Amino acid sequence: MVKRLIGEDIELVFIAAQELEHIKVDPHQMEQVLINLAINARDAMPDGGKLIIETSNVKIDETYTSEHLETKTGTYVLLTVSDNGAGMSSEIKEHLFEPFFTSKAKGKGTGLGLSTVYGIVKQNGGFIEVHSEIGVGTSFKVYLPRVAGKAESLEKKVFPSLPTGSETILLVEDEEMVRNLAERLLQRQGYQVIVAEDPGQACRLAEDPAVQFDLLLTDVIMRT
């Protein structure tokens, strides 16, 4: 998914620790963290570049916490997401995790991606640091506390059949094959489907008072 998000002009490098400690976190939340950081890095490298995702074990001592007030001593799993893009100024860094704050052009960002990352990290007892230099790149360091013991297996829910419904869904997908398949599957389960081939058409449908729908189902990234 990350490769698809960043595009072919950006090289993806993944460096994984061999014996990574355990953390306790919702896997879907970690996906959100990775996706939002990858998108942020991609936007900082419009002409291509390198995205490095690295994991490691680190120990935070009192010397470090005395210089970084939001941190706590202990053993952490560190997720580092770095790019060699445009970088950012110290002024932008001060507001980076504020909701609806964005340095991107109008229509290019909501300002919610990094605030979501910050919320997830804090919710799971961790902290996040940002190192950036204009013209050199940016590095996000996500620290999540280690937990002892083995990972617990979640019980899988078994459904006798796919859920059905009668609601209306606005389906937005620019790939014809995927769009047609999704439309057929949804209709087979009883849903009414309104199809949009691109974001512009979806916005026009959403703004039309005559068009009513209960759910928006959209691709992660589409051409405009």
C-alpha atoms as a PDB file:
ATOM      1  CA  MET A   1       0.000   0.000   0.000  1.00  0.00           C
ATOM      2  CA  VAL A   2       2.824   2.400   0.838  1.00  0.00           C
ATOM      3  CA  LYS A   3       4.477   1.777  -2.531  1.00  0.00           C
ATOM      4  CA  ARG A   4       1.255   2.616  -4.305  1.00  0.00           C
ATOM      5  CA  LEU A   5       0.749   5.760  -2.235  1.00  0.00           C
ATOM      6  CA  ILE A   6       4.176   7.267  -2.854  1.00  0.00           C
ATOM      7  CA  GLY A   7       4.366   6.514  -6.592  1.00  0.00           C
ATOM      8  CA  GLU A   8       7.120   5.220  -8.851  1.00  0.00           C
ATOM      9  CA  ASP A   9       9.370   8.305  -8.574  1.00  0.00           C
ATOM     10  CA  ILE A  10      10.104   7.666  -4.894  1.00  0.00           C
ATOM     11  CA  GLU A  11      12.394   4.854  -3.754  1.00  0.00           C
ATOM     12  CA  LEU A  12      11.112   2.956  -0.721  1.00  0.00           C
ATOM     13  CA  VAL A  13      13.708   1.517   1.678  1.00  0.00           C
ATOM     14  CA  PHE A  14      12.614  -0.627   4.652  1.00  0.00           C
ATOM     15  CA  ILE A  15      15.111  -1.417   7.415  1.00  0.00           C
ATOM     16  CA  ALA A  16      13.669  -3.771  10.030  1.00  0.00           C
ATOM     17  CA  ALA A  17      15.200  -4.688  13.384  1.00  0.00           C
ATOM     18  CA  GLN A  18      15.919  -8.412  13.656  1.00  0.00           C
ATOM     19  CA  GLU A  19      14.561  -8.858  17.199  1.00  0.00           C
ATOM     20  CA  LEU A  20      12.021  -6.105  17.648  1.00  0.00           C
ATOM     21  CA  GLU A  21      10.326  -5.799  21.038  1.00  0.00           C
ATOM     22  CA  HIS A  22       6.548  -6.062  21.439  1.00  0.00           C
ATOM     23  CA  ILE A  23       4.157  -3.134  21.692  1.00  0.00           C
ATOM     24  CA  LYS A  24       0.448  -3.101  22.497  1.00  0.00           C
ATOM     25  CA  VAL A  25      -1.441  -1.145  19.845  1.00  0.00           C
ATOM     26  CA  ASP A  26      -4.303  -1.547  17.404  1.00  0.00           C
ATOM     27  CA  PRO A  27      -2.754  -2.731  14.086  1.00  0.00           C
ATOM     28  CA  HIS A  28      -5.167  -0.533  12.138  1.00  0.00           C
ATOM     29  CA  GLN A  29      -3.936   2.506  14.041  1.00  0.00           C
ATOM     30  CA  MET A  30      -0.358   1.661  13.078  1.00  0.00           C
ATOM     31  CA  GLU A  31      -1.492   1.464   9.456  1.00  0.00           C
ATOM     32  CA  GLN A  32      -2.925   4.964   9.822  1.00  0.00           C
ATOM     33  CA  VAL A  33       0.347   6.238  11.248  1.00  0.00           C
ATOM     34  CA  LEU A  34       2.378   4.743   8.403  1.00  0.00           C
ATOM     35  CA  ILE A  35      -0.005   5.900   5.680  1.00  0.00           C
ATOM     36  CA  ASN A  36      -0.196   9.476   6.955  1.00  0.00           C
ATOM     37  CA  LEU A  37       3.572   9.766   7.376  1.00  0.00           C
ATOM     38  CA  ALA A  38       4.154   8.250   3.923  1.00  0.00           C
ATOM     39  CA  ILE A  39       1.721  10.684   2.301  1.00  0.00           C
ATOM     40  CA  ASN A  40       3.354  13.608   4.088  1.00  0.00           C
ATOM     41  CA  ALA A  41       6.773  12.470   2.833  1.00  0.00           C
ATOM     42  CA  ARG A  42       5.464  11.971  -0.697  1.00  0.00           C
ATOM     43  CA  ASP A  43       4.109  15.516  -0.825  1.00  0.00           C
ATOM     44  CA  ALA A  44       7.509  16.815   0.284  1.00  0.00           C
ATOM     45  CA  MET A  45       9.159  15.081  -2.702  1.00  0.00           C
ATOM     46  CA  PRO A  46       7.154  16.146  -5.796  1.00  0.00           C
ATOM     47  CA  ASP A  47      10.147  15.442  -8.064  1.00  0.00           C
ATOM     48  CA  GLY A  48      10.962  12.085  -6.502  1.00  0.00           C
ATOM     49  CA  GLY A  49      13.342  11.028  -3.767  1.00  0.00           C
ATOM     50  CA  LYS A  50      13.831   8.385  -1.106  1.00  0.00           C
ATOM     51  CA  LEU A  51      11.525   7.276   1.709  1.00  0.00           C
ATOM     52  CA  ILE A  52      13.145   5.244   4.484  1.00  0.00           C
ATOM     53  CA  ILE A  53      11.072   3.310   7.035  1.00  0.00           C
ATOM     54  CA  GLU A  54      13.088   1.864   9.888  1.00  0.00           C
ATOM     55  CA  THR A  55      12.312   0.017  13.138  1.00  0.00           C
ATOM     56  CA  SER A  56      14.584  -0.402  16.151  1.00  0.00           C
ATOM     57  CA  ASN A  57      14.670  -0.891  19.917  1.00  0.00           C
ATOM     58  CA  VAL A  58      15.786   2.060  22.033  1.00  0.00           C
ATOM     59  CA  LYS A  59      16.201   2.818  25.718  1.00  0.00           C
ATOM     60  CA  ILE A  60      15.386   6.273  27.043  1.00  0.00           C
ATOM     61  CA  ASP A  61      17.345   7.324  30.139  1.00  0.00           C
ATOM     62  CA  GLU A  62      17.052  10.276  32.515  1.00  0.00           C
ATOM     63  CA  THR A  63      19.655  12.288  30.627  1.00  0.00           C
ATOM     64  CA  TYR A  64      17.473  12.181  27.521  1.00  0.00           C
ATOM     65  CA  THR A  65      14.230  12.979  29.383  1.00  0.00           C
ATOM     66  CA  SER A  66      15.835  16.008  31.036  1.00  0.00           C
ATOM     67  CA  GLU A  67      16.385  17.498  27.576  1.00  0.00           C
ATOM     68  CA  HIS A  68      13.058  16.300  26.098  1.00  0.00           C
ATOM     69  CA  LEU A  69      10.257  17.150  28.513  1.00  0.00           C
ATOM     70  CA  GLU A  70       7.495  15.095  26.841  1.00  0.00           C
ATOM     71  CA  THR A  71       9.454  11.844  27.098  1.00  0.00           C
ATOM     72  CA  LYS A  72       9.595   9.204  29.853  1.00  0.00           C
ATOM     73  CA  THR A  73      12.334   6.775  30.750  1.00  0.00           C
ATOM     74  CA  GLY A  74      11.966   3.182  29.578  1.00  0.00           C
ATOM     75  CA  THR A  75      12.398   0.836  26.641  1.00  0.00           C
ATOM     76  CA  TYR A  76      10.645   1.730  23.400  1.00  0.00           C
ATOM     77  CA  VAL A  77      10.118   0.471  19.899  1.00  0.00           C
ATOM     78  CA  LEU A  78      11.143   3.230  17.515  1.00  0.00           C
ATOM     79  CA  LEU A  79       9.540   3.713  14.112  1.00  0.00           C
ATOM     80  CA  THR A  80      11.467   6.196  11.973  1.00  0.00           C
ATOM     81  CA  VAL A  81      10.054   7.562   8.714  1.00  0.00           C
ATOM     82  CA  SER A  82      12.523   9.754   6.820  1.00  0.00           C
ATOM     83  CA  ASP A  83      12.571  11.513   3.462  1.00  0.00           C
ATOM     84  CA  ASN A  84      15.048  13.645   1.555  1.00  0.00           C
ATOM     85  CA  GLY A  85      12.429  16.144   0.454  1.00  0.00           C
ATOM     86  CA  ALA A  86      11.935  19.858   0.875  1.00  0.00           C
ATOM     87  CA  GLY A  87      12.110  19.938   4.666  1.00  0.00           C
ATOM     88  CA  MET A  88      10.333  22.508   6.809  1.00  0.00           C
ATOM     89  CA  SER A  89      11.067  25.633   8.794  1.00  0.00           C
ATOM     90  CA  SER A  90      11.047  25.829  12.602  1.00  0.00           C
ATOM     91  CA  GLU A  91       7.898  27.961  12.400  1.00  0.00           C
ATOM     92  CA  ILE A  92       5.989  25.207  10.594  1.00  0.00           C
ATOM     93  CA  LYS A  93       7.307  22.556  12.998  1.00  0.00           C
ATOM     94  CA  GLU A  94       5.777  24.449  15.940  1.00  0.00           C
ATOM     95  CA  HIS A  95       2.258  23.985  14.537  1.00  0.00           C
ATOM     96  CA  LEU A  96       2.788  20.674  12.772  1.00  0.00           C
ATOM     97  CA  PHE A  97       0.411  18.539  14.867  1.00  0.00           C
ATOM     98  CA  GLU A  98      -2.362  21.102  15.248  1.00  0.00           C
ATOM     99  CA  PRO A  99      -5.689  20.038  13.684  1.00  0.00           C
ATOM    100  CA  PHE A 100      -6.431  21.715  10.339  1.00  0.00           C
ATOM    101  CA  PHE A 101      -2.962  23.257  10.128  1.00  0.00           C
ATOM    102  CA  THR A 102      -1.320  22.614   6.756  1.00  0.00           C
ATOM    103  CA  SER A 103       1.477  24.186   4.765  1.00  0.00           C
ATOM    104  CA  LYS A 104       0.210  22.643   1.524  1.00  0.00           C
ATOM    105  CA  ALA A 105      -1.623  24.501  -1.221  1.00  0.00           C
ATOM    106  CA  LYS A 106      -5.392  24.887  -0.999  1.00  0.00           C
ATOM    107  CA  GLY A 107      -7.138  21.638  -1.817  1.00  0.00           C
ATOM    108  CA  LYS A 108      -3.956  19.579  -1.307  1.00  0.00           C
ATOM    109  CA  GLY A 109      -4.356  18.755   2.375  1.00  0.00           C
ATOM    110  CA  THR A 110      -6.835  18.882   5.264  1.00  0.00           C
ATOM    111  CA  GLY A 111      -4.313  19.350   8.054  1.00  0.00           C
ATOM    112  CA  LEU A 112      -5.675  16.262   9.842  1.00  0.00           C
ATOM    113  CA  GLY A 113      -3.082  13.641   8.854  1.00  0.00           C
ATOM    114  CA  LEU A 114      -0.324  14.548  11.293  1.00  0.00           C
ATOM    115  CA  SER A 115      -2.749  15.478  14.074  1.00  0.00           C
ATOM    116  CA  THR A 116      -4.194  11.970  13.684  1.00  0.00           C
ATOM    117  CA  VAL A 117      -0.699  10.492  13.964  1.00  0.00           C
ATOM    118  CA  TYR A 118      -0.027  12.543  17.097  1.00  0.00           C
ATOM    119  CA  GLY A 119      -3.318  11.457  18.683  1.00  0.00           C
ATOM    120  CA  ILE A 120      -2.679   7.765  18.021  1.00  0.00           C
ATOM    121  CA  VAL A 121       0.854   7.912  19.414  1.00  0.00           C
ATOM    122  CA  LYS A 122      -0.214   9.753  22.584  1.00  0.00           C
ATOM    123  CA  GLN A 123      -3.193   7.429  23.053  1.00  0.00           C
ATOM    124  CA  ASN A 124      -0.817   4.459  23.146  1.00  0.00           C
ATOM    125  CA  GLY A 125       1.536   6.003  25.682  1.00  0.00           C
ATOM    126  CA  GLY A 126       4.209   7.069  23.216  1.00  0.00           C
ATOM    127  CA  PHE A 127       5.690  10.265  21.888  1.00  0.00           C
ATOM    128  CA  ILE A 128       6.880  11.605  18.554  1.00  0.00           C
ATOM    129  CA  GLU A 129       9.817  13.769  17.510  1.00  0.00           C
ATOM    130  CA  VAL A 130      10.438  15.624  14.265  1.00  0.00           C
ATOM    131  CA  HIS A 131      13.817  16.544  12.813  1.00  0.00           C
ATOM    132  CA  SER A 132      13.784  18.630   9.664  1.00  0.00           C
ATOM    133  CA  GLU A 133      16.040  20.884   7.632  1.00  0.00           C
ATOM    134  CA  ILE A 134      14.988  22.892   4.600  1.00  0.00           C
ATOM    135  CA  GLY A 135      16.423  21.398   1.441  1.00  0.00           C
ATOM    136  CA  VAL A 136      17.678  18.292   3.259  1.00  0.00           C
ATOM    137  CA  GLY A 137      14.594  16.418   4.401  1.00  0.00           C
ATOM    138  CA  THR A 138      12.461  15.389   7.362  1.00  0.00           C
ATOM    139  CA  SER A 139      12.532  12.541   9.855  1.00  0.00           C
ATOM    140  CA  PHE A 140       9.599  11.535  12.070  1.00  0.00           C
ATOM    141  CA  LYS A 141      10.533   9.380  15.063  1.00  0.00           C
ATOM    142  CA  VAL A 142       7.640   7.538  16.712  1.00  0.00           C
ATOM    143  CA  TYR A 143       8.405   6.014  20.121  1.00  0.00           C
ATOM    144  CA  LEU A 144       5.991   3.382  21.471  1.00  0.00           C
ATOM    145  CA  PRO A 145       6.531   1.735  24.884  1.00  0.00           C
ATOM    146  CA  ARG A 146       7.666  -1.884  25.006  1.00  0.00           C
ATOM    147  CA  VAL A 147       5.403  -4.440  26.701  1.00  0.00           C
ATOM    148  CA  ALA A 148       6.521  -7.721  28.231  1.00  0.00           C
ATOM    149  CA  GLY A 149       5.194 -11.090  27.141  1.00  0.00           C
ATOM    150  CA  LYS A 150       4.004 -12.507  23.865  1.00  0.00           C
ATOM    151  CA  ALA A 151       1.461 -10.952  21.560  1.00  0.00           C
ATOM    152  CA  GLU A 152      -2.127 -12.016  22.141  1.00  0.00           C
ATOM    153  CA  SER A 153      -4.043 -13.569  19.286  1.00  0.00           C
ATOM    154  CA  LEU A 154      -7.325 -11.871  18.535  1.00  0.00           C
ATOM    155  CA  GLU A 155     -10.343 -14.056  18.003  1.00  0.00           C
ATOM    156  CA  LYS A 156     -11.621 -13.870  14.462  1.00  0.00           C
ATOM    157  CA  LYS A 157     -15.312 -13.274  14.022  1.00  0.00           C
ATOM    158  CA  VAL A 158     -16.957 -15.749  11.706  1.00  0.00           C
ATOM    159  CA  PHE A 159     -19.906 -14.437   9.731  1.00  0.00           C
ATOM    160  CA  PRO A 160     -22.255 -16.947   8.130  1.00  0.00           C
ATOM    161  CA  SER A 161     -22.705 -14.644   5.157  1.00  0.00           C
ATOM    162  CA  LEU A 162     -21.822 -11.185   3.925  1.00  0.00           C
ATOM    163  CA  PRO A 163     -23.911  -8.397   5.477  1.00  0.00           C
ATOM    164  CA  THR A 164     -26.741  -6.970   3.404  1.00  0.00           C
ATOM    165  CA  GLY A 165     -28.485  -3.611   3.380  1.00  0.00           C
ATOM    166  CA  SER A 166     -30.685  -1.244   1.457  1.00  0.00           C
ATOM    167  CA  GLU A 167     -28.775   2.012   1.976  1.00  0.00           C
ATOM    168  CA  THR A 168     -27.399   4.152  -0.834  1.00  0.00           C
ATOM    169  CA  ILE A 169     -23.613   4.279  -1.282  1.00  0.00           C
ATOM    170  CA  LEU A 170     -21.617   6.843  -3.257  1.00  0.00           C
ATOM    171  CA  LEU A 171     -18.775   4.835  -4.787  1.00  0.00           C
ATOM    172  CA  VAL A 172     -15.732   6.822  -5.974  1.00  0.00           C
ATOM    173  CA  GLU A 173     -13.060   4.889  -7.912  1.00  0.00           C
ATOM    174  CA  ASP A 174     -11.048   5.882 -10.985  1.00  0.00           C
ATOM    175  CA  GLU A 175     -10.018   2.338 -12.014  1.00  0.00           C
ATOM    176  CA  GLU A 176     -12.816   0.991 -14.224  1.00  0.00           C
ATOM    177  CA  MET A 177     -12.249  -2.679 -13.386  1.00  0.00           C
ATOM    178  CA  VAL A 178     -12.201  -2.073  -9.630  1.00  0.00           C
ATOM    179  CA  ARG A 179     -15.167   0.306  -9.851  1.00  0.00           C
ATOM    180  CA  ASN A 180     -17.315  -2.161 -11.786  1.00  0.00           C
ATOM    181  CA  LEU A 181     -16.446  -5.032  -9.447  1.00  0.00           C
ATOM    182  CA  ALA A 182     -17.229  -2.990  -6.324  1.00  0.00           C
ATOM    183  CA  GLU A 183     -20.507  -1.815  -7.823  1.00  0.00           C
ATOM    184  CA  ARG A 184     -21.610  -5.369  -8.645  1.00  0.00           C
ATOM    185  CA  LEU A 185     -20.673  -6.712  -5.211  1.00  0.00           C
ATOM    186  CA  LEU A 186     -22.511  -3.942  -3.398  1.00  0.00           C
ATOM    187  CA  GLN A 187     -25.598  -4.286  -5.552  1.00  0.00           C
ATOM    188  CA  ARG A 188     -25.578  -8.044  -4.985  1.00  0.00           C
ATOM    189  CA  GLN A 189     -25.845  -7.371  -1.249  1.00  0.00           C
ATOM    190  CA  GLY A 190     -28.872  -5.133  -1.746  1.00  0.00           C
ATOM    191  CA  TYR A 191     -27.266  -1.687  -1.681  1.00  0.00           C
ATOM    192  CA  GLN A 192     -28.140   1.144  -4.055  1.00  0.00           C
ATOM    193  CA  VAL A 193     -24.961   2.444  -5.693  1.00  0.00           C
ATOM    194  CA  ILE A 194     -24.180   5.862  -7.159  1.00  0.00           C
ATOM    195  CA  VAL A 195     -20.945   5.770  -9.144  1.00  0.00           C
ATOM    196  CA  ALA A 196     -18.370   8.547  -9.576  1.00  0.00           C
ATOM    197  CA  GLU A 197     -15.272   8.081 -11.737  1.00  0.00           C
ATOM    198  CA  ASP A 198     -13.165  10.837 -10.180  1.00  0.00           C
ATOM    199  CA  PRO A 199     -13.117  13.236  -7.178  1.00  0.00           C
ATOM    200  CA  GLY A 200     -14.574  16.116  -9.209  1.00  0.00           C
ATOM    201  CA  GLN A 201     -17.643  14.131 -10.203  1.00  0.00           C
ATOM    202  CA  ALA A 202     -18.027  12.919  -6.609  1.00  0.00           C
ATOM    203  CA  CYS A 203     -17.982  16.496  -5.292  1.00  0.00           C
ATOM    204  CA  ARG A 204     -20.607  17.575  -7.812  1.00  0.00           C
ATOM    205  CA  LEU A 205     -22.861  14.683  -6.807  1.00  0.00           C
ATOM    206  CA  ALA A 206     -22.372  15.414  -3.107  1.00  0.00           C
ATOM    207  CA  GLU A 207     -23.320  19.073  -3.616  1.00  0.00           C
ATOM    208  CA  ASP A 208     -26.457  18.201  -5.593  1.00  0.00           C
ATOM    209  CA  PRO A 209     -29.509  18.417  -3.261  1.00  0.00           C
ATOM    210  CA  ALA A 210     -31.294  15.863  -5.420  1.00  0.00           C
ATOM    211  CA  VAL A 211     -28.615  13.226  -4.740  1.00  0.00           C
ATOM    212  CA  GLN A 212     -28.976  11.517  -1.385  1.00  0.00           C
ATOM    213  CA  PHE A 213     -26.612   8.839  -0.073  1.00  0.00           C
ATOM    214  CA  ASP A 214     -25.824   7.232   3.289  1.00  0.00           C
ATOM    215  CA  LEU A 215     -22.170   6.321   2.885  1.00  0.00           C
ATOM    216  CA  LEU A 216     -19.139   7.467   0.893  1.00  0.00           C
ATOM    217  CA  LEU A 217     -16.864   4.626  -0.261  1.00  0.00           C
ATOM    218  CA  THR A 218     -13.723   5.975  -1.925  1.00  0.00           C
ATOM    219  CA  ASP A 219     -10.304   4.912  -3.102  1.00  0.00           C
ATOM    220  CA  VAL A 220      -7.301   6.068  -1.011  1.00  0.00           C
ATOM    221  CA  ILE A 221      -5.621   7.955  -3.841  1.00  0.00           C
ATOM    222  CA  MET A 222      -6.873   8.931  -7.326  1.00  0.00           C
ATOM    223  CA  ARG A 223      -5.771  10.996 -10.261  1.00  0.00           C
ATOM    224  CA  THR A 224      -7.424  14.418 -10.527  1.00  0.00           C
END
